[in-house]
Amino acid sequence: TKIKSEEEASPIPLWKQTGSGDILQAVLKKEEAARNGLEFLNALQKNLRLQVKQMPSAQPRLEQIGTTGAGKTTLINALLEHENLLPTSHERACTAVAIEVAYNYNTSEDKVFRGEIVFVTRDEFKTELEQLFADFREQDSSNEDDDIEENDLEREIRIAESVDKLKHIYPQINTMEKLKNSSVEELLQDAVVRDIIGTTKEIHGRDKEAFAEILSQYTESNEYYKKTSALWPLVKIVRVFVKSDILKDGIVLVDLPGSMDNNAARSAVAEKYQRELSVACIVSPASRAAQDLLQKYTKRNLQLDGRYDAGMLCFILSQTDREFDYPHYIKQHVNLKDSLKTSHRNLELYLGDLRRQISDIRLYLGDILPVKPGRKRKIPEFQYKSSQEAREHLAQIENLLDATETEQKNEASELLAIQNRIDSNTKAWWFSESRIHKACIDNRNELSALAIKNDYEATLKEIGKESAVPLQVFGVAAATYLKYITNRLYRSKGFPNIQDTQIGSLRDWLISTTLNDRQQYAQAFLDDIEQFLYALKPWIADTLGDALLTADQRALWSSAIEQRVDELIKDFSQLSLKFFNCIEEQIQSELYPKLKQAQVSAGAIARRTAARWTQYMTWSTHRAVNHRHGTWTDSKRREHKWNHDLAHDFTGPFIADWDRILFNQIPTELDKFVIEGDDLIAKFAGTVAFEDFDNVARDGVYLLKEHILRTQRLLRDEIDKEKDQVKAVIRKAHRLAVPSIMDFLAPMYQECAAEGGTGHYKRNRETHQKYMREGTKIHEAGRLAIQNSLDKLISNFDSRLQSRYHAVLKDIQYGINDFFENNSTQGHRISNRRAVSKIKVRLRDDIQPLIDKLEKDWSTELPIAAPKKHCFMEDDEEEEDFQYSDTGSLNGTDWGSDKDFEPCPKLSIC
C-alpha cells in the first residue's frame, strides 16, 4: 500500500487540457465528459441505495427444540400475538416442515402477511422415492421367501407412512398396487410435481385467516386429501413474514417438526438450523418435563458448539394450562394438601347453606304471592248481618293484604340480597378453586424446574464450568395467553392474570438475549456513518482551501508517512504471526493429544455400546436401522442413532478441553490481539504530525489523527467477525465425527441390511460385534475428520488475520490520501486557492441541514418505553382472589348484612 503522488492522485482530464485542436473536438470531449459525469452520479446514487439496502442487521435465530406435540407452534403464535397464524391441532402433531418466522418490512396493504414456500429438489425427492421402491422390492422378495417366518414390521410401517404421504401428492394413486405399478421416473414426471420441485413459491394476503388457510396447505400434515394434490410432503422449508413486536428488532423464530420425520431433506434443514441458532429454547410439556430432560445428542451438540450456557439456552414447560387431576396431585404432595383442603371445603359448605336458605325463602314466597292472571282462587262465602259488618270485614282483609304485601316486599328484598351474596361468594369459591389450580401448577413447575436445573448444573461440570447466571425455566400457558389478548373478560382457573401465563416474561428474556448482537451491529453501522460524516465535513465546510501544502512539502511528508505506514504494516504482521503461533500451539499440543486419548477410550467400549442397541429392540427395527445406515425413527417414535451413540462416546472425554481451548482461550487471544493492535494504531496516530504541519494544515492533521484513531473500532469489528467465523468452523468440525463413523461402518450396515431368512437377527448382532472389535479404527475416522477441519482453520488463520488488519490499514491509507488531496495545491494551478463549483455550493446547502438534523437527533434523549399493556388491563381492576374471603363466617369473621351485598360485576369464567 502506497501513498499516491500528486501526479497519480490528480491526473488532468482531457476535457481540461487546452490546445490548438479543432473546436468541434473540444466540444465533443466536454459533452462526452458531461455524460460520463452523469453516469457517475447515477451509479453513485444506485450504489448508495444498495449499501443502505444491504446494511447488515442482527438476525438472531431463536429455535424451539422439542418433541412432537409439545405445543411449540402454539407457543410461537403466542409470542407473535397472532392466534392460529401457524397451524395447530389438539388431536395430532401439525407441523410437518420447518417454519421460519421473521419481521415483515413490506408496507403494501395486500402483503400484511407474506410467505415463501421452498420445495425439495428433484434429487432429494428422487432419493426418497428410490428408498420406497427398494422397500417394495424387499417386501416382494420376503413374501416369496419361505424361510422368513414373520413380516418386517418396521418396513411395513415405513411403507405405509410413505404411501400415505404420496397419496396427498398423487390423489389418482389411491391404492398400494397402483403405486407399485408406477416407477420413480414416472412419479417425477407428474405435471404437478415436475413444475413445483426445486422452486420457491410466494404467498401473501391482508387477512390473517385467509393467509393461514393457504399456509396450512404447505405446512400441515393433515390426514385428509381431496381430488387435488396436497403439497406439504414436497416442502423443505417455509418462511413467514409478519408484523409482530418480538420480530421487529431482527429476531427470527424457528419452528421445527418434532422427532417424527425420516425425510432426509427436512432433517438436513433441521441440522443446519441447530448449527446456526443463536438461542435454543428446549420445549417440553409440563406434564412430563421432569422426565423428558434434554436429549443427550442435543445436549452434546450444544456443549461442543459452545452454547451450553444459560445466556443462550432456556427451558420452556409448555401447556401448563392443560387440565390434570388436581385432587390426586394434592394427595401426592402433602405440602399442598394441608394448606388448601380446609379453606376450600369450608367455603363449599357455606355456599351450600346459603343455597338452602334461598330455596326455603322461595318456597315461602310461593305460598303468599298473588294469584297469576287467568287463575281463580276459591273464596269462602260469608254471611253478613249488616253492611257495617261487611265493611269492617273488608277493612280487616285490606289491612291483612297490606301487611302481606309489605312482608312480601321484605322477603323479596332479602331474597335479592341473599342471591347477591351467593353470586359474590360463588365468585369467591371460583377464585378459591383457581387458587388451588394455581398452587398445583406452580408446584409442578417448580419441581420440574428443579430437576432441569440440577441436570443443567451436572452437565456444566462435564465441561469444567460453573453457572455464571441462573438457568431460565418458564412455565407457559400459550393457549390461555392468546385467549386473554382476544377477550378482555376472559379468566382462567389457575391463571388469574395474563402475567401468570409467563409468555410476557419469556418474550422479555428472548429479547434480552439479542441485545449484544444488536448493539454490535448498530455500533458498526454508526461507526461507518460517523466516518462518512468526518470525511464529508471538510469538503462541505471548505475551510481547508487557503493554506495548502506545496508540491515539495507534499513529496517530503508523504515519503515520511509512507515509511511509517510500512513500519505499521510490519508491526501488524509480527503481531499476527505471534498470535498464529500461539493458537496453533494450543490446538496441536493441547487439544490433539486429548482427541487421541478419546479415540482409544471410546474404541474400548464400542462393543458395549453396540450391545445396547439390541436391548428391547425387535429384529425388524434392528434391520430398519441398518438399512438406513444407523439412523431411524421407529413406529413408536423412538429415535435410534447408532453413529451418534459412538460419537457421543468419543467426544465425552475431551469435551472440557474442547470448550476451554476453542471457546475460551482462542477468543481471549483474539481480544489480546485487539488490545495490542489498538496500541499500534494509537502510536502511529501520534507520529503522523510534523512541526511544520501546524503552520500549514493544522485542521487537516487533526482530522487525520481522528480518522486513524477511529480505525481502532474497525479493528474490533473485524476481529469480532473473525471470532464468528472461527466458531462456525468449530461447530462444523465436531459434527464431522458422525458422518465419518457412518462411512466407516457403511460395509457393516450394507451387510446387515442384505441379511434375511432364519437366524439373520443373530447374524447381524455378530456382524456388529465383529466391526466393533475395530473400535479404535472407527473413532480414528472421526478424529481425523475433526483434526483435518481444525488443521484447515489453523493453516488459514494467519491469512485471515492479515485480511482483518489489512482492512484497517486500507482505511488508514484512505484517510492519508484524502488528507493530501484536501490539503495540497494542484500542479496545473497558478494559485493555491481552489475554485468552488456551483454544484458543490448547492450540495453544501442541501446536505448541511441534514447533517445538523442528524447531530440534533443523536443528542436527543430517548423516551423511556412504557411496559406493554393489553387493552383489557387499562380500565379493568385486577380481581385478585385474595379480595374474596373463602372462610369468613365460619372462622368468626363478620360477613356483614345480606343487604350490604351488591350484585357482582359480570365475569367470563372458564
Foldseek 3Di string as FASTA:
>chain_A
DAFDAQCRQDPDDPLPDDDDDDVVVNVVSVVVVVVVVVVVVVVVVVVVVVCVVPQDADAFEEEEAEAFPLCPVLLVCLLQLHPLLAPDDPPGGWFDFKEKEAADPDPDLFFQKKKKFAFAALVLVLVVQVVLLVLVVVQVVVVPDPQFDDDLVFSVVVNVVVVLLVCQAVVVQPDPVSVNPAGSVRVCPPPVNVVRHRDMDMDGGNDSVVNSVVVSLQTTPDNDHDPHHRCNVRTQYMYMHHHGPLRPNNYMYMYGHRLDDPRPSRVVVVVVCLLRHQAYEYGGALVCLLPPADDPLSLLLCLLLLNLALLRYAYEHEQLVDDDDLVVLCVVPVVLVVVQVVLLVLLVVVLVVLVVVLVVLVVVLVVLPDDDPPDDDDDDDDDDPDVVVVVVVVVVVVVVVVVSVVVSVVSVLLSVLSVQVSQQSVVLSLLSQLVSSLVSSVVSQVVSVVSNQVVSQVSQVLLPDGHPDGRHYHHAYSVVLSVVQVDLQEAERNDLDSVSRVSVVVSVSVSVSCVVVNVLSVVVVVLVVVLVCLLVVCLLVVPQQAFFDESVRCVVLSVVLRVLLVVLLVVLLVLLVVLLVVLVCLCPVPQLVQLLVLLVQLLVCLLVLLVVVPPPDDLSVVLVCLLVLFWDQGPVRDTTHSLSSSLSSSCSRRSNSSCCSQVPVSVVSLVVSLVVSLVSLLVSLVPSDDPCCVVGPVVLNVSLSVQSNSLSSLLVSLSVVVSVVSSSLSSVLSVQLSVQLSVVCNVLSVVLNPDDGPPSSVVNSVSSSVVSNVSSVSSVSSSVSSVVSVVVCSVCSSVSSSVSVVVSSVSSSVSVNSSNVSRYANPVDPDSRDDDDPVSNVVSVVVVVVVVVVVVVVVDDDDDDDDDDRPSPPPDDSDNSVVRRSNAVVVPHDPDDSSVRDRDDDHHYD
